[in-house]
Amino acid sequence: MNNLNLMQEIMVWVLPVLFAVTVHEVAHGWVANQLGDRTALLLGRLTLNPFRHIDLIGTVVIPFLCLLVGGFIFGWAKPVPVNWRNLKHPRRDTALVAIAGPISNLLMALLWAVIAKLGELGSHQGFSSAIFLVYTGTAGISINLLLMVLNLVPIPPLDGSRVVSSLLPFPLAKMYDRIEPYGFIILLVLIWTRILSQLLTPLLMWLQGLILDLFAL
């Protein structure tokens, strides 16, 4: 996308980012609702309307700054509230609610790959505007794979930590969960020092290559 100006890049990325963070959060709330916690439903958060989920910093400012500096595009939405005590089997169901977000991102990455493929086929047929679908689809693949992999990192309160906590013996899980107040600081340090990027980039490149090969993009 190096041949796009800033405004064109914003147009390409805005829908993939909005849907990536929105569907991720709705997936958490939907699974929680199926497993006994109706909190998200009662608060009107089980909706794909992005305005119900937008976080000014995570959904607008951070992705825009990423575009400006040319790094990974990522972001987040307002977390869907879950009352873990309402779940029928709290430890097991906590893991299921947590993993729903990354799974939704994987499914969306595949959906965006279909859109990119349609755009590619359209451009071959002479529809010049179809190239927008290629760019947007490729952006959708990237942002969703990044959110999937990032959220699986086992640092509280990321989704991966919920899964790990549910698998640990209760005393160890309780100790592990005490990291959560410092989790965001740990994450920022790992991002700032580029340690996280060095760890995740090979996996992200492999996953993206796998999807691009699968759809012959």
C-alpha atoms as a PDB file:
ATOM      1  CA  MET A   1       0.000   0.000   0.000  1.00  0.00           C
ATOM      2  CA  ASN A   2       3.034   2.247  -0.299  1.00  0.00           C
ATOM      3  CA  ASN A   3       1.519   3.927  -3.380  1.00  0.00           C
ATOM      4  CA  LEU A   4      -1.463   5.262  -1.406  1.00  0.00           C
ATOM      5  CA  ASN A   5      -1.618   8.702   0.183  1.00  0.00           C
ATOM      6  CA  LEU A   6      -2.716   9.165   3.793  1.00  0.00           C
ATOM      7  CA  MET A   7      -6.378   9.816   2.963  1.00  0.00           C
ATOM      8  CA  GLN A   8      -6.540   6.736   0.740  1.00  0.00           C
ATOM      9  CA  GLU A   9      -4.931   4.616   3.462  1.00  0.00           C
ATOM     10  CA  ILE A  10      -7.503   5.852   5.988  1.00  0.00           C
ATOM     11  CA  MET A  11     -10.313   4.884   3.595  1.00  0.00           C
ATOM     12  CA  VAL A  12      -8.759   1.430   3.116  1.00  0.00           C
ATOM     13  CA  TRP A  13      -8.255   0.744   6.818  1.00  0.00           C
ATOM     14  CA  VAL A  14     -11.306   2.314   8.467  1.00  0.00           C
ATOM     15  CA  LEU A  15     -13.813  -0.495   7.823  1.00  0.00           C
ATOM     16  CA  PRO A  16     -11.424  -3.392   8.581  1.00  0.00           C
ATOM     17  CA  VAL A  17     -10.379  -1.797  11.885  1.00  0.00           C
ATOM     18  CA  LEU A  18     -13.949  -0.949  12.929  1.00  0.00           C
ATOM     19  CA  PHE A  19     -15.275  -4.415  12.142  1.00  0.00           C
ATOM     20  CA  ALA A  20     -12.235  -6.209  13.600  1.00  0.00           C
ATOM     21  CA  VAL A  21     -12.571  -4.635  17.046  1.00  0.00           C
ATOM     22  CA  THR A  22     -16.385  -4.569  17.021  1.00  0.00           C
ATOM     23  CA  VAL A  23     -16.939  -8.208  16.053  1.00  0.00           C
ATOM     24  CA  HIS A  24     -14.177  -9.278  18.462  1.00  0.00           C
ATOM     25  CA  GLU A  25     -16.031  -7.731  21.395  1.00  0.00           C
ATOM     26  CA  VAL A  26     -19.476  -8.861  20.241  1.00  0.00           C
ATOM     27  CA  ALA A  27     -18.124 -12.427  20.003  1.00  0.00           C
ATOM     28  CA  HIS A  28     -17.128 -12.285  23.678  1.00  0.00           C
ATOM     29  CA  GLY A  29     -20.569 -11.015  24.671  1.00  0.00           C
ATOM     30  CA  TRP A  30     -22.474 -13.440  22.445  1.00  0.00           C
ATOM     31  CA  VAL A  31     -20.681 -16.498  23.824  1.00  0.00           C
ATOM     32  CA  ALA A  32     -21.092 -15.210  27.386  1.00  0.00           C
ATOM     33  CA  ASN A  33     -24.810 -14.808  26.715  1.00  0.00           C
ATOM     34  CA  GLN A  34     -25.026 -18.409  25.496  1.00  0.00           C
ATOM     35  CA  LEU A  35     -23.253 -19.597  28.634  1.00  0.00           C
ATOM     36  CA  GLY A  36     -25.432 -17.804  31.151  1.00  0.00           C
ATOM     37  CA  ASP A  37     -24.283 -14.176  31.433  1.00  0.00           C
ATOM     38  CA  ARG A  38     -26.726 -11.682  29.879  1.00  0.00           C
ATOM     39  CA  THR A  39     -24.799  -8.555  30.948  1.00  0.00           C
ATOM     40  CA  ALA A  40     -23.734  -7.518  27.440  1.00  0.00           C
ATOM     41  CA  LEU A  41     -27.225  -8.180  26.071  1.00  0.00           C
ATOM     42  CA  LEU A  42     -28.930  -6.125  28.780  1.00  0.00           C
ATOM     43  CA  LEU A  43     -26.520  -3.228  28.185  1.00  0.00           C
ATOM     44  CA  GLY A  44     -27.180  -3.240  24.452  1.00  0.00           C
ATOM     45  CA  ARG A  45     -23.653  -4.310  23.533  1.00  0.00           C
ATOM     46  CA  LEU A  46     -24.600  -7.351  21.432  1.00  0.00           C
ATOM     47  CA  THR A  47     -24.803  -5.206  18.318  1.00  0.00           C
ATOM     48  CA  LEU A  48     -22.587  -4.775  15.271  1.00  0.00           C
ATOM     49  CA  ASN A  49     -23.191  -1.034  15.397  1.00  0.00           C
ATOM     50  CA  PRO A  50     -19.578   0.163  15.841  1.00  0.00           C
ATOM     51  CA  PHE A  51     -20.673   3.346  17.628  1.00  0.00           C
ATOM     52  CA  ARG A  52     -21.708   1.186  20.598  1.00  0.00           C
ATOM     53  CA  HIS A  53     -18.161  -0.136  20.874  1.00  0.00           C
ATOM     54  CA  ILE A  54     -15.832   2.660  19.731  1.00  0.00           C
ATOM     55  CA  ASP A  55     -13.110   3.669  22.163  1.00  0.00           C
ATOM     56  CA  LEU A  56     -11.684   7.086  21.259  1.00  0.00           C
ATOM     57  CA  ILE A  57      -8.097   6.089  21.999  1.00  0.00           C
ATOM     58  CA  GLY A  58      -8.112   2.447  20.918  1.00  0.00           C
ATOM     59  CA  THR A  59     -10.396   2.661  17.879  1.00  0.00           C
ATOM     60  CA  VAL A  60      -9.475   6.102  16.523  1.00  0.00           C
ATOM     61  CA  VAL A  61      -6.260   7.621  17.887  1.00  0.00           C
ATOM     62  CA  ILE A  62      -3.986   4.551  18.037  1.00  0.00           C
ATOM     63  CA  PRO A  63      -4.820   3.225  14.522  1.00  0.00           C
ATOM     64  CA  PHE A  64      -4.374   6.752  13.094  1.00  0.00           C
ATOM     65  CA  LEU A  65      -0.977   7.147  14.776  1.00  0.00           C
ATOM     66  CA  CYS A  66       0.035   3.711  13.462  1.00  0.00           C
ATOM     67  CA  LEU A  67      -0.808   4.905   9.952  1.00  0.00           C
ATOM     68  CA  LEU A  68       1.294   8.030  10.443  1.00  0.00           C
ATOM     69  CA  VAL A  69       4.390   6.197  11.668  1.00  0.00           C
ATOM     70  CA  GLY A  70       3.971   3.278   9.282  1.00  0.00           C
ATOM     71  CA  GLY A  71       3.956   0.495  11.875  1.00  0.00           C
ATOM     72  CA  PHE A  72       1.496  -2.312  12.565  1.00  0.00           C
ATOM     73  CA  ILE A  73      -2.088  -1.104  12.436  1.00  0.00           C
ATOM     74  CA  PHE A  74      -3.905  -2.251  15.551  1.00  0.00           C
ATOM     75  CA  GLY A  75      -6.488  -1.020  17.997  1.00  0.00           C
ATOM     76  CA  TRP A  76      -9.212  -2.035  20.403  1.00  0.00           C
ATOM     77  CA  ALA A  77     -12.825  -1.299  21.296  1.00  0.00           C
ATOM     78  CA  LYS A  78     -14.518  -0.787  24.639  1.00  0.00           C
ATOM     79  CA  PRO A  79     -14.504  -4.217  26.306  1.00  0.00           C
ATOM     80  CA  VAL A  80     -17.886  -5.924  26.387  1.00  0.00           C
ATOM     81  CA  PRO A  81     -18.793  -6.359  30.084  1.00  0.00           C
ATOM     82  CA  VAL A  82     -18.909  -9.945  31.294  1.00  0.00           C
ATOM     83  CA  ASN A  83     -19.946 -11.003  34.784  1.00  0.00           C
ATOM     84  CA  TRP A  84     -17.890 -14.169  35.130  1.00  0.00           C
ATOM     85  CA  ARG A  85     -19.905 -15.289  38.183  1.00  0.00           C
ATOM     86  CA  ASN A  86     -23.013 -15.654  36.022  1.00  0.00           C
ATOM     87  CA  LEU A  87     -21.398 -18.279  33.791  1.00  0.00           C
ATOM     88  CA  LYS A  88     -22.715 -21.821  34.275  1.00  0.00           C
ATOM     89  CA  HIS A  89     -19.220 -23.334  34.614  1.00  0.00           C
ATOM     90  CA  PRO A  90     -17.072 -20.289  35.468  1.00  0.00           C
ATOM     91  CA  ARG A  91     -13.560 -21.644  34.837  1.00  0.00           C
ATOM     92  CA  ARG A  92     -14.364 -23.528  31.633  1.00  0.00           C
ATOM     93  CA  ASP A  93     -16.730 -20.894  30.308  1.00  0.00           C
ATOM     94  CA  THR A  94     -14.262 -18.080  30.996  1.00  0.00           C
ATOM     95  CA  ALA A  95     -11.857 -19.744  28.563  1.00  0.00           C
ATOM     96  CA  LEU A  96     -14.626 -20.186  25.982  1.00  0.00           C
ATOM     97  CA  VAL A  97     -15.684 -16.534  26.252  1.00  0.00           C
ATOM     98  CA  ALA A  98     -12.062 -15.413  25.973  1.00  0.00           C
ATOM     99  CA  ILE A  99     -11.175 -17.539  22.949  1.00  0.00           C
ATOM    100  CA  ALA A 100     -14.297 -16.379  21.088  1.00  0.00           C
ATOM    101  CA  GLY A 101     -12.658 -13.036  20.287  1.00  0.00           C
ATOM    102  CA  PRO A 102      -9.552 -14.417  18.540  1.00  0.00           C
ATOM    103  CA  ILE A 103     -11.657 -17.030  16.727  1.00  0.00           C
ATOM    104  CA  SER A 104     -13.906 -14.263  15.382  1.00  0.00           C
ATOM    105  CA  ASN A 105     -10.806 -12.466  14.087  1.00  0.00           C
ATOM    106  CA  LEU A 106      -9.637 -15.598  12.290  1.00  0.00           C
ATOM    107  CA  LEU A 107     -13.044 -15.996  10.625  1.00  0.00           C
ATOM    108  CA  MET A 108     -13.030 -12.328   9.628  1.00  0.00           C
ATOM    109  CA  ALA A 109      -9.535 -12.660   8.155  1.00  0.00           C
ATOM    110  CA  LEU A 110     -10.885 -15.429   5.919  1.00  0.00           C
ATOM    111  CA  LEU A 111     -13.915 -13.305   4.990  1.00  0.00           C
ATOM    112  CA  TRP A 112     -11.694 -10.370   4.050  1.00  0.00           C
ATOM    113  CA  ALA A 113      -9.608 -12.747   1.949  1.00  0.00           C
ATOM    114  CA  VAL A 114     -12.776 -13.618  -0.007  1.00  0.00           C
ATOM    115  CA  ILE A 115     -13.434  -9.894  -0.515  1.00  0.00           C
ATOM    116  CA  ALA A 116      -9.846  -9.341  -1.686  1.00  0.00           C
ATOM    117  CA  LYS A 117     -10.207 -12.249  -4.125  1.00  0.00           C
ATOM    118  CA  LEU A 118     -13.425 -10.801  -5.528  1.00  0.00           C
ATOM    119  CA  GLY A 119     -11.648  -7.490  -5.960  1.00  0.00           C
ATOM    120  CA  GLU A 120      -8.783  -9.174  -7.760  1.00  0.00           C
ATOM    121  CA  LEU A 121     -11.159 -10.994 -10.111  1.00  0.00           C
ATOM    122  CA  GLY A 122     -13.036  -7.757 -10.717  1.00  0.00           C
ATOM    123  CA  SER A 123      -9.849  -5.856 -11.551  1.00  0.00           C
ATOM    124  CA  HIS A 124      -8.908  -8.553 -14.060  1.00  0.00           C
ATOM    125  CA  GLN A 125     -12.279  -7.964 -15.716  1.00  0.00           C
ATOM    126  CA  GLY A 126     -11.480  -4.299 -16.144  1.00  0.00           C
ATOM    127  CA  PHE A 127     -13.296  -2.853 -13.116  1.00  0.00           C
ATOM    128  CA  SER A 128     -10.715  -0.346 -11.937  1.00  0.00           C
ATOM    129  CA  SER A 129     -12.636   0.442  -8.730  1.00  0.00           C
ATOM    130  CA  ALA A 130     -12.339  -3.221  -7.694  1.00  0.00           C
ATOM    131  CA  ILE A 131      -8.729  -2.584  -6.660  1.00  0.00           C
ATOM    132  CA  PHE A 132     -10.192  -0.868  -3.571  1.00  0.00           C
ATOM    133  CA  LEU A 133     -11.594  -4.247  -2.514  1.00  0.00           C
ATOM    134  CA  VAL A 134      -8.141  -5.789  -2.906  1.00  0.00           C
ATOM    135  CA  TYR A 135      -6.545  -3.160  -0.678  1.00  0.00           C
ATOM    136  CA  THR A 136      -9.361  -3.250   1.884  1.00  0.00           C
ATOM    137  CA  GLY A 137      -9.450  -7.040   1.920  1.00  0.00           C
ATOM    138  CA  THR A 138      -5.691  -7.217   2.435  1.00  0.00           C
ATOM    139  CA  ALA A 139      -5.965  -4.689   5.271  1.00  0.00           C
ATOM    140  CA  GLY A 140      -8.756  -6.783   6.792  1.00  0.00           C
ATOM    141  CA  ILE A 141      -6.566  -9.881   6.719  1.00  0.00           C
ATOM    142  CA  SER A 142      -3.700  -8.016   8.407  1.00  0.00           C
ATOM    143  CA  ILE A 143      -5.639  -6.329  11.211  1.00  0.00           C
ATOM    144  CA  ASN A 144      -7.610  -9.440  12.103  1.00  0.00           C
ATOM    145  CA  LEU A 145      -4.578 -11.720  12.198  1.00  0.00           C
ATOM    146  CA  LEU A 146      -2.751  -9.164  14.324  1.00  0.00           C
ATOM    147  CA  LEU A 147      -5.639  -8.889  16.796  1.00  0.00           C
ATOM    148  CA  MET A 148      -5.982 -12.662  16.921  1.00  0.00           C
ATOM    149  CA  VAL A 149      -2.310 -13.294  17.647  1.00  0.00           C
ATOM    150  CA  LEU A 150      -1.897 -10.309  19.974  1.00  0.00           C
ATOM    151  CA  ASN A 151      -4.906 -11.287  22.072  1.00  0.00           C
ATOM    152  CA  LEU A 152      -3.574 -14.815  22.457  1.00  0.00           C
ATOM    153  CA  VAL A 153      -0.458 -13.492  24.224  1.00  0.00           C
ATOM    154  CA  PRO A 154      -0.813 -14.744  27.832  1.00  0.00           C
ATOM    155  CA  ILE A 155      -0.481 -11.362  29.521  1.00  0.00           C
ATOM    156  CA  PRO A 156      -3.480 -10.373  31.674  1.00  0.00           C
ATOM    157  CA  PRO A 157      -5.999  -9.071  30.722  1.00  0.00           C
ATOM    158  CA  LEU A 158      -5.519 -10.275  27.130  1.00  0.00           C
ATOM    159  CA  ASP A 159      -7.682 -13.199  26.049  1.00  0.00           C
ATOM    160  CA  GLY A 160      -4.811 -15.660  26.142  1.00  0.00           C
ATOM    161  CA  SER A 161      -4.353 -15.016  29.849  1.00  0.00           C
ATOM    162  CA  ARG A 162      -7.989 -15.954  30.534  1.00  0.00           C
ATOM    163  CA  VAL A 163      -7.437 -19.290  28.824  1.00  0.00           C
ATOM    164  CA  VAL A 164      -4.196 -19.934  30.723  1.00  0.00           C
ATOM    165  CA  SER A 165      -5.806 -18.956  34.030  1.00  0.00           C
ATOM    166  CA  SER A 166      -8.703 -21.361  33.472  1.00  0.00           C
ATOM    167  CA  LEU A 167      -6.265 -24.229  32.856  1.00  0.00           C
ATOM    168  CA  LEU A 168      -4.041 -23.603  35.887  1.00  0.00           C
ATOM    169  CA  PRO A 169      -4.761 -25.102  39.326  1.00  0.00           C
ATOM    170  CA  PHE A 170      -6.789 -22.588  41.299  1.00  0.00           C
ATOM    171  CA  PRO A 171      -3.976 -21.396  43.653  1.00  0.00           C
ATOM    172  CA  LEU A 172      -1.638 -20.800  40.676  1.00  0.00           C
ATOM    173  CA  ALA A 173      -4.417 -19.139  38.693  1.00  0.00           C
ATOM    174  CA  LYS A 174      -5.060 -16.753  41.585  1.00  0.00           C
ATOM    175  CA  MET A 175      -1.380 -15.768  41.693  1.00  0.00           C
ATOM    176  CA  TYR A 176      -1.260 -15.426  37.897  1.00  0.00           C
ATOM    177  CA  ASP A 177      -4.328 -13.165  37.841  1.00  0.00           C
ATOM    178  CA  ARG A 178      -2.601 -10.744  40.219  1.00  0.00           C
ATOM    179  CA  ILE A 179      -0.465  -9.636  37.265  1.00  0.00           C
ATOM    180  CA  GLU A 180      -3.534  -8.031  35.625  1.00  0.00           C
ATOM    181  CA  PRO A 181      -3.165  -4.499  37.126  1.00  0.00           C
ATOM    182  CA  TYR A 182       0.314  -4.349  35.579  1.00  0.00           C
ATOM    183  CA  GLY A 183      -0.544  -6.138  32.339  1.00  0.00           C
ATOM    184  CA  PHE A 184      -1.060  -3.026  30.213  1.00  0.00           C
ATOM    185  CA  ILE A 185       2.273  -1.584  31.370  1.00  0.00           C
ATOM    186  CA  ILE A 186       4.032  -4.875  30.562  1.00  0.00           C
ATOM    187  CA  LEU A 187       2.410  -4.861  27.128  1.00  0.00           C
ATOM    188  CA  LEU A 188       3.457  -1.266  26.436  1.00  0.00           C
ATOM    189  CA  VAL A 189       7.051  -2.057  27.424  1.00  0.00           C
ATOM    190  CA  LEU A 190       7.116  -5.090  25.130  1.00  0.00           C
ATOM    191  CA  ILE A 191       5.738  -2.981  22.268  1.00  0.00           C
ATOM    192  CA  TRP A 192       8.080  -0.044  22.923  1.00  0.00           C
ATOM    193  CA  THR A 193      11.171  -2.253  23.056  1.00  0.00           C
ATOM    194  CA  ARG A 194       9.992  -4.094  19.897  1.00  0.00           C
ATOM    195  CA  ILE A 195      10.303  -7.407  21.731  1.00  0.00           C
ATOM    196  CA  LEU A 196       6.651  -8.172  21.015  1.00  0.00           C
ATOM    197  CA  SER A 197       7.082  -7.298  17.347  1.00  0.00           C
ATOM    198  CA  GLN A 198      10.094  -9.609  17.036  1.00  0.00           C
ATOM    199  CA  LEU A 199       8.135 -12.440  18.663  1.00  0.00           C
ATOM    200  CA  LEU A 200       4.889 -12.011  16.727  1.00  0.00           C
ATOM    201  CA  THR A 201       6.073 -10.943  13.257  1.00  0.00           C
ATOM    202  CA  PRO A 202       7.258 -14.402  12.071  1.00  0.00           C
ATOM    203  CA  LEU A 203       3.947 -15.988  13.100  1.00  0.00           C
ATOM    204  CA  LEU A 204       1.924 -13.167  11.541  1.00  0.00           C
ATOM    205  CA  MET A 205       3.860 -13.379   8.267  1.00  0.00           C
ATOM    206  CA  TRP A 206       3.383 -17.158   8.175  1.00  0.00           C
ATOM    207  CA  LEU A 207      -0.368 -16.916   8.828  1.00  0.00           C
ATOM    208  CA  GLN A 208      -0.826 -14.142   6.292  1.00  0.00           C
ATOM    209  CA  GLY A 209       1.163 -16.078   3.699  1.00  0.00           C
ATOM    210  CA  LEU A 210      -0.948 -19.150   4.399  1.00  0.00           C
ATOM    211  CA  ILE A 211      -4.205 -17.261   3.764  1.00  0.00           C
ATOM    212  CA  LEU A 212      -2.854 -15.504   0.684  1.00  0.00           C
ATOM    213  CA  ASP A 213      -1.742 -18.866  -0.748  1.00  0.00           C
ATOM    214  CA  LEU A 214      -5.074 -20.470   0.176  1.00  0.00           C
ATOM    215  CA  PHE A 215      -6.975 -17.858  -1.833  1.00  0.00           C
ATOM    216  CA  ALA A 216      -4.279 -17.495  -4.515  1.00  0.00           C
ATOM    217  CA  LEU A 217      -3.904 -13.782  -3.815  1.00  0.00           C
END
